[in-house]
Amino acid sequence: MQPKPQRILETVVYCECLSEARDFYERVVGLTVVSVEPGRHVFLRVGQGMLLIFNPCETEIGTVLIGDQMIPRHGSTGPSHFAFEILPQQVDEVREHLENRKIAIEAEIEWPTGGHSIYCRDPAGNSVEFATRELWFQ
């Protein structure tokens, strides 16, 4: 029997200006910083998961050792996309919060499934979505 993963544990996005990314995800999104390595990464807690923000210039070379093991190199170019889950009663609050912080709302969608999404961009241009669970789970 094939073992099935329980959930996505970490989501990775890339941003060359980590200080701007940290400010956005702490100040605007409200996440808690868990680890910072200046110039390389900022790791933030999201509920039971993690958002890892890497500087792609550093992770493409793959030189970080944990003991005698090297972490595989990775990277990405261009904007990524991911979604934070919000409760249906938080939709208006999230919209107002973004507007109050002068974060442009790129799109707001009421899905046929009953879900609701609000999209904006982080400082690196990644598409950040705030979505209700009903988008995927009725």
Protein backbone atom coordinates (compact mmCIF):
# COMPACT_ATOMS: atom_id res chain seq x y z
CA MET A 1 0.00 0.00 0.00
CA GLN A 2 1.35 3.40 -0.96
CA PRO A 3 1.81 5.74 2.03
CA LYS A 4 -0.15 8.97 1.55
CA PRO A 5 1.18 12.34 2.69
CA GLN A 6 -0.82 14.00 5.46
CA ARG A 7 -0.56 17.61 4.25
CA ILE A 8 1.87 20.04 2.70
CA LEU A 9 4.31 20.86 5.48
CA GLU A 10 6.14 23.75 3.86
CA THR A 11 5.59 26.09 0.95
CA VAL A 12 8.55 27.83 -0.67
CA VAL A 13 8.65 31.15 -2.50
CA TYR A 14 11.68 33.05 -3.71
CA CYS A 15 12.53 36.69 -3.16
CA GLU A 16 15.86 38.44 -3.60
CA CYS A 17 14.98 41.18 -1.09
CA LEU A 18 14.36 39.18 2.06
CA SER A 19 13.89 42.24 4.31
CA GLU A 20 10.93 43.40 2.19
CA ALA A 21 9.48 39.90 2.16
CA ARG A 22 9.89 39.56 5.92
CA ASP A 23 8.18 42.90 6.49
CA PHE A 24 5.27 41.94 4.21
CA TYR A 25 4.65 38.52 5.76
CA GLU A 26 5.08 39.76 9.34
CA ARG A 27 3.32 43.13 9.09
CA VAL A 28 0.67 42.48 6.45
CA VAL A 29 -0.04 38.76 6.79
CA GLY A 30 0.74 38.48 10.51
CA LEU A 31 3.05 35.45 10.42
CA THR A 32 5.67 34.66 13.06
CA VAL A 33 9.34 34.46 12.07
CA VAL A 34 10.98 31.18 13.12
CA SER A 35 14.42 31.46 11.48
CA VAL A 36 16.43 34.07 9.60
CA GLU A 37 19.74 33.65 7.85
CA PRO A 38 20.53 37.10 6.41
CA GLY A 39 20.86 37.03 2.64
CA ARG A 40 19.68 33.40 2.41
CA HIS A 41 16.26 32.81 3.99
CA VAL A 42 13.37 33.81 6.23
CA PHE A 43 11.19 31.00 7.63
CA LEU A 44 7.72 31.81 9.01
CA ARG A 45 5.10 29.73 10.80
CA VAL A 46 1.63 29.42 9.24
CA GLY A 47 -0.66 27.47 11.57
CA GLN A 48 0.62 23.88 11.42
CA GLY A 49 2.85 24.57 8.40
CA MET A 50 5.73 26.75 7.29
CA LEU A 51 6.31 29.41 4.65
CA LEU A 52 9.96 29.36 3.57
CA ILE A 53 11.25 32.40 1.70
CA PHE A 54 14.60 31.91 0.01
CA ASN A 55 16.90 34.17 -1.92
CA PRO A 56 17.17 32.21 -5.20
CA CYS A 57 20.72 33.45 -5.78
CA GLU A 58 21.78 31.53 -2.66
CA THR A 59 19.74 28.32 -2.94
CA GLU A 60 20.61 27.61 -6.58
CA ILE A 61 24.20 26.83 -5.56
CA GLY A 62 23.27 24.20 -2.94
CA THR A 63 26.10 24.60 -0.45
CA VAL A 64 24.28 24.36 2.89
CA LEU A 65 25.42 21.45 5.01
CA ILE A 66 23.47 19.85 7.83
CA GLY A 67 26.12 17.78 9.53
CA ASP A 68 27.82 16.09 6.60
CA GLN A 69 24.72 16.17 4.34
CA MET A 70 24.12 18.81 1.70
CA ILE A 71 20.62 20.20 1.16
CA PRO A 72 19.75 19.80 -2.55
CA ARG A 73 19.92 23.01 -4.54
CA HIS A 74 16.64 24.57 -5.63
CA GLY A 75 15.30 27.77 -7.10
CA SER A 76 12.69 29.33 -9.29
CA THR A 77 12.34 32.28 -11.60
CA GLY A 78 9.22 34.32 -12.12
CA PRO A 79 6.29 34.75 -9.78
CA SER A 80 4.86 31.84 -7.80
CA HIS A 81 1.39 31.39 -6.35
CA PHE A 82 0.01 29.99 -3.10
CA ALA A 83 -3.03 30.52 -0.89
CA PHE A 84 -3.61 31.11 2.81
CA GLU A 85 -6.84 29.64 4.16
CA ILE A 86 -9.19 32.13 5.80
CA LEU A 87 -12.63 31.67 7.34
CA PRO A 88 -15.69 32.92 5.42
CA GLN A 89 -16.33 35.53 8.12
CA GLN A 90 -12.78 36.90 7.61
CA VAL A 91 -13.19 37.89 3.94
CA ASP A 92 -14.25 41.48 4.66
CA GLU A 93 -11.63 41.82 7.39
CA VAL A 94 -8.83 40.62 5.08
CA ARG A 95 -9.92 43.01 2.32
CA GLU A 96 -10.02 45.97 4.73
CA HIS A 97 -6.68 44.97 6.27
CA LEU A 98 -4.97 44.91 2.85
CA GLU A 99 -6.58 48.20 1.81
CA ASN A 100 -5.56 49.88 5.08
CA ARG A 101 -1.95 48.85 4.45
CA LYS A 102 -2.07 50.13 0.87
CA ILE A 103 -1.67 46.62 -0.58
CA ALA A 104 -3.31 46.52 -4.02
CA ILE A 105 -5.97 43.85 -4.39
CA GLU A 106 -5.33 42.29 -7.78
CA ALA A 107 -8.53 40.24 -7.93
CA GLU A 108 -11.42 39.10 -5.80
CA ILE A 109 -13.36 36.04 -6.91
CA GLU A 110 -16.55 34.39 -5.71
CA TRP A 111 -16.13 30.79 -6.90
CA PRO A 112 -18.97 28.58 -8.21
CA THR A 113 -18.11 26.12 -5.40
CA GLY A 114 -19.00 28.78 -2.83
CA GLY A 115 -15.41 29.69 -2.02
CA HIS A 116 -14.09 33.24 -1.98
CA SER A 117 -10.57 34.44 -2.87
CA ILE A 118 -8.70 37.72 -2.55
CA TYR A 119 -5.43 38.06 -4.47
CA CYS A 120 -2.53 40.46 -3.97
CA ARG A 121 1.22 40.45 -4.67
CA ASP A 122 4.14 40.23 -2.27
CA PRO A 123 7.25 42.40 -2.76
CA ALA A 124 8.78 39.79 -5.12
CA GLY A 125 5.67 39.70 -7.31
CA ASN A 126 4.41 36.34 -6.03
CA SER A 127 0.64 35.92 -6.23
CA VAL A 128 -0.67 35.64 -2.66
CA GLU A 129 -4.22 34.38 -2.29
CA PHE A 130 -6.43 34.47 0.79
CA ALA A 131 -9.12 31.83 0.19
CA THR A 132 -11.94 30.20 2.07
CA ARG A 133 -11.87 26.42 2.40
CA GLU A 134 -15.04 26.12 0.31
CA LEU A 135 -12.90 26.80 -2.76
CA TRP A 136 -11.83 23.14 -2.63
CA PHE A 137 -13.85 21.46 0.13
CA GLN A 138 -17.64 21.79 0.29
